[in-house]
Amino acid sequence: MPQMAPLMWLPLMLMIVLTFMIFLTMNYFFSFVKSDSKSVQKTELLEKIWQW
């Protein structure tokens, strides 16, 4: 493995993390807007992911 690989992977990882955080915040707001049983299940799923 070349030593330049981590420097090339860092921006990619940052973009993936940012996209994931945006997706989580969007899902969070949508669950607030809908506020039905499905959104509750989504919130429980998100809590399981955070605990994992």
N, C-alpha and C. Protein backbone atom coordinates (compact mmCIF):
# COMPACT_ATOMS: atom_id res chain seq x y z
N MET A 1 0.84 -1.21 0.00
CA MET A 1 0.00 0.00 0.00
C MET A 1 0.87 1.26 0.00
N PRO A 2 0.62 2.18 -0.90
CA PRO A 2 1.38 3.44 -0.91
C PRO A 2 1.01 4.32 0.28
N GLN A 3 1.94 5.18 0.69
CA GLN A 3 1.70 6.03 1.85
C GLN A 3 0.72 7.17 1.55
N MET A 4 0.50 7.49 0.28
CA MET A 4 -0.41 8.57 -0.09
C MET A 4 -1.87 8.15 0.00
N ALA A 5 -2.12 6.87 0.17
CA ALA A 5 -3.50 6.36 0.19
C ALA A 5 -4.37 7.00 1.29
N PRO A 6 -3.87 7.10 2.55
CA PRO A 6 -4.72 7.71 3.59
C PRO A 6 -5.13 9.14 3.26
N LEU A 7 -4.22 9.92 2.67
CA LEU A 7 -4.54 11.30 2.31
C LEU A 7 -5.63 11.35 1.25
N MET A 8 -5.65 10.36 0.36
CA MET A 8 -6.68 10.32 -0.69
C MET A 8 -8.01 9.81 -0.12
N TRP A 9 -7.96 8.95 0.88
CA TRP A 9 -9.19 8.40 1.47
C TRP A 9 -9.87 9.39 2.41
N LEU A 10 -9.09 10.32 3.00
CA LEU A 10 -9.65 11.24 3.99
C LEU A 10 -10.80 12.10 3.45
N PRO A 11 -10.67 12.78 2.30
CA PRO A 11 -11.80 13.57 1.78
C PRO A 11 -13.01 12.70 1.47
N LEU A 12 -12.76 11.49 0.96
CA LEU A 12 -13.86 10.58 0.65
C LEU A 12 -14.63 10.22 1.91
N MET A 13 -13.91 9.90 2.97
CA MET A 13 -14.54 9.56 4.24
C MET A 13 -15.31 10.75 4.80
N LEU A 14 -14.74 11.95 4.68
CA LEU A 14 -15.42 13.16 5.15
C LEU A 14 -16.73 13.38 4.39
N MET A 15 -16.70 13.19 3.08
CA MET A 15 -17.91 13.36 2.28
C MET A 15 -18.97 12.32 2.65
N ILE A 16 -18.54 11.08 2.89
CA ILE A 16 -19.48 10.03 3.29
C ILE A 16 -20.11 10.36 4.64
N VAL A 17 -19.29 10.82 5.59
CA VAL A 17 -19.81 11.18 6.91
C VAL A 17 -20.78 12.35 6.81
N LEU A 18 -20.43 13.37 6.01
CA LEU A 18 -21.31 14.52 5.84
C LEU A 18 -22.64 14.12 5.22
N THR A 19 -22.59 13.26 4.19
CA THR A 19 -23.83 12.81 3.54
C THR A 19 -24.68 12.03 4.53
N PHE A 20 -24.04 11.19 5.36
CA PHE A 20 -24.77 10.40 6.35
C PHE A 20 -25.43 11.30 7.39
N MET A 21 -24.71 12.34 7.84
CA MET A 21 -25.25 13.27 8.83
C MET A 21 -26.43 14.05 8.24
N ILE A 22 -26.30 14.49 6.98
CA ILE A 22 -27.40 15.20 6.31
C ILE A 22 -28.61 14.29 6.21
N PHE A 23 -28.38 13.02 5.85
CA PHE A 23 -29.47 12.05 5.74
C PHE A 23 -30.16 11.85 7.09
N LEU A 24 -29.37 11.78 8.16
CA LEU A 24 -29.94 11.61 9.50
C LEU A 24 -30.78 12.82 9.90
N THR A 25 -30.27 14.03 9.65
CA THR A 25 -31.01 15.23 10.03
C THR A 25 -32.30 15.35 9.22
N MET A 26 -32.24 15.02 7.91
CA MET A 26 -33.44 15.04 7.07
C MET A 26 -34.47 14.05 7.59
N ASN A 27 -34.01 12.83 7.92
CA ASN A 27 -34.91 11.80 8.44
C ASN A 27 -35.53 12.26 9.77
N TYR A 28 -34.72 12.93 10.59
CA TYR A 28 -35.18 13.43 11.89
C TYR A 28 -36.28 14.47 11.71
N PHE A 29 -36.07 15.42 10.79
CA PHE A 29 -37.08 16.45 10.55
C PHE A 29 -38.35 15.86 9.93
N PHE A 30 -38.19 14.89 9.01
CA PHE A 30 -39.36 14.27 8.39
C PHE A 30 -40.17 13.51 9.43
N SER A 31 -39.49 12.87 10.38
CA SER A 31 -40.21 12.15 11.44
C SER A 31 -40.99 13.14 12.31
N PHE A 32 -40.44 14.35 12.50
CA PHE A 32 -41.16 15.38 13.24
C PHE A 32 -42.40 15.83 12.46
N VAL A 33 -42.25 15.99 11.14
CA VAL A 33 -43.36 16.47 10.32
C VAL A 33 -44.49 15.44 10.27
N LYS A 34 -44.12 14.17 10.07
CA LYS A 34 -45.15 13.12 9.96
C LYS A 34 -45.74 12.79 11.34
N SER A 35 -44.85 12.49 12.30
CA SER A 35 -45.24 12.17 13.68
C SER A 35 -46.33 11.10 13.75
N ASP A 36 -46.11 9.97 13.08
CA ASP A 36 -47.01 8.82 13.22
C ASP A 36 -46.20 7.59 13.65
N SER A 37 -46.82 6.42 13.67
CA SER A 37 -46.17 5.21 14.18
C SER A 37 -44.92 4.86 13.38
N LYS A 38 -44.93 5.13 12.06
CA LYS A 38 -43.77 4.80 11.23
C LYS A 38 -42.55 5.62 11.65
N SER A 39 -42.75 6.89 11.94
CA SER A 39 -41.63 7.74 12.35
C SER A 39 -41.06 7.28 13.69
N VAL A 40 -41.93 6.78 14.57
CA VAL A 40 -41.46 6.26 15.86
C VAL A 40 -40.55 5.06 15.63
N GLN A 41 -40.95 4.18 14.70
CA GLN A 41 -40.11 3.03 14.38
C GLN A 41 -38.77 3.49 13.81
N LYS A 42 -38.80 4.53 12.99
CA LYS A 42 -37.55 5.06 12.42
C LYS A 42 -36.65 5.60 13.53
N THR A 43 -37.25 6.30 14.50
CA THR A 43 -36.46 6.85 15.60
C THR A 43 -35.82 5.73 16.42
N GLU A 44 -36.57 4.66 16.67
CA GLU A 44 -36.01 3.52 17.41
C GLU A 44 -34.86 2.90 16.62
N LEU A 45 -35.03 2.81 15.29
CA LEU A 45 -33.97 2.25 14.45
C LEU A 45 -32.72 3.13 14.52
N LEU A 46 -32.91 4.46 14.48
CA LEU A 46 -31.77 5.38 14.58
C LEU A 46 -31.07 5.24 15.93
N GLU A 47 -31.85 5.07 17.00
CA GLU A 47 -31.25 4.89 18.33
C GLU A 47 -30.42 3.61 18.37
N LYS A 48 -30.93 2.54 17.75
CA LYS A 48 -30.17 1.28 17.70
C LYS A 48 -28.87 1.48 16.94
N ILE A 49 -28.92 2.24 15.83
CA ILE A 49 -27.71 2.50 15.04
C ILE A 49 -26.71 3.30 15.88
N TRP A 50 -27.20 4.32 16.63
CA TRP A 50 -26.30 5.13 17.45
C TRP A 50 -25.66 4.29 18.54
N GLN A 51 -26.46 3.37 19.14
CA GLN A 51 -25.91 2.50 20.19
C GLN A 51 -24.88 1.55 19.60
N TRP A 52 -25.13 1.07 18.38
CA TRP A 52 -24.22 0.14 17.73
C TRP A 52 -22.93 0.86 17.40
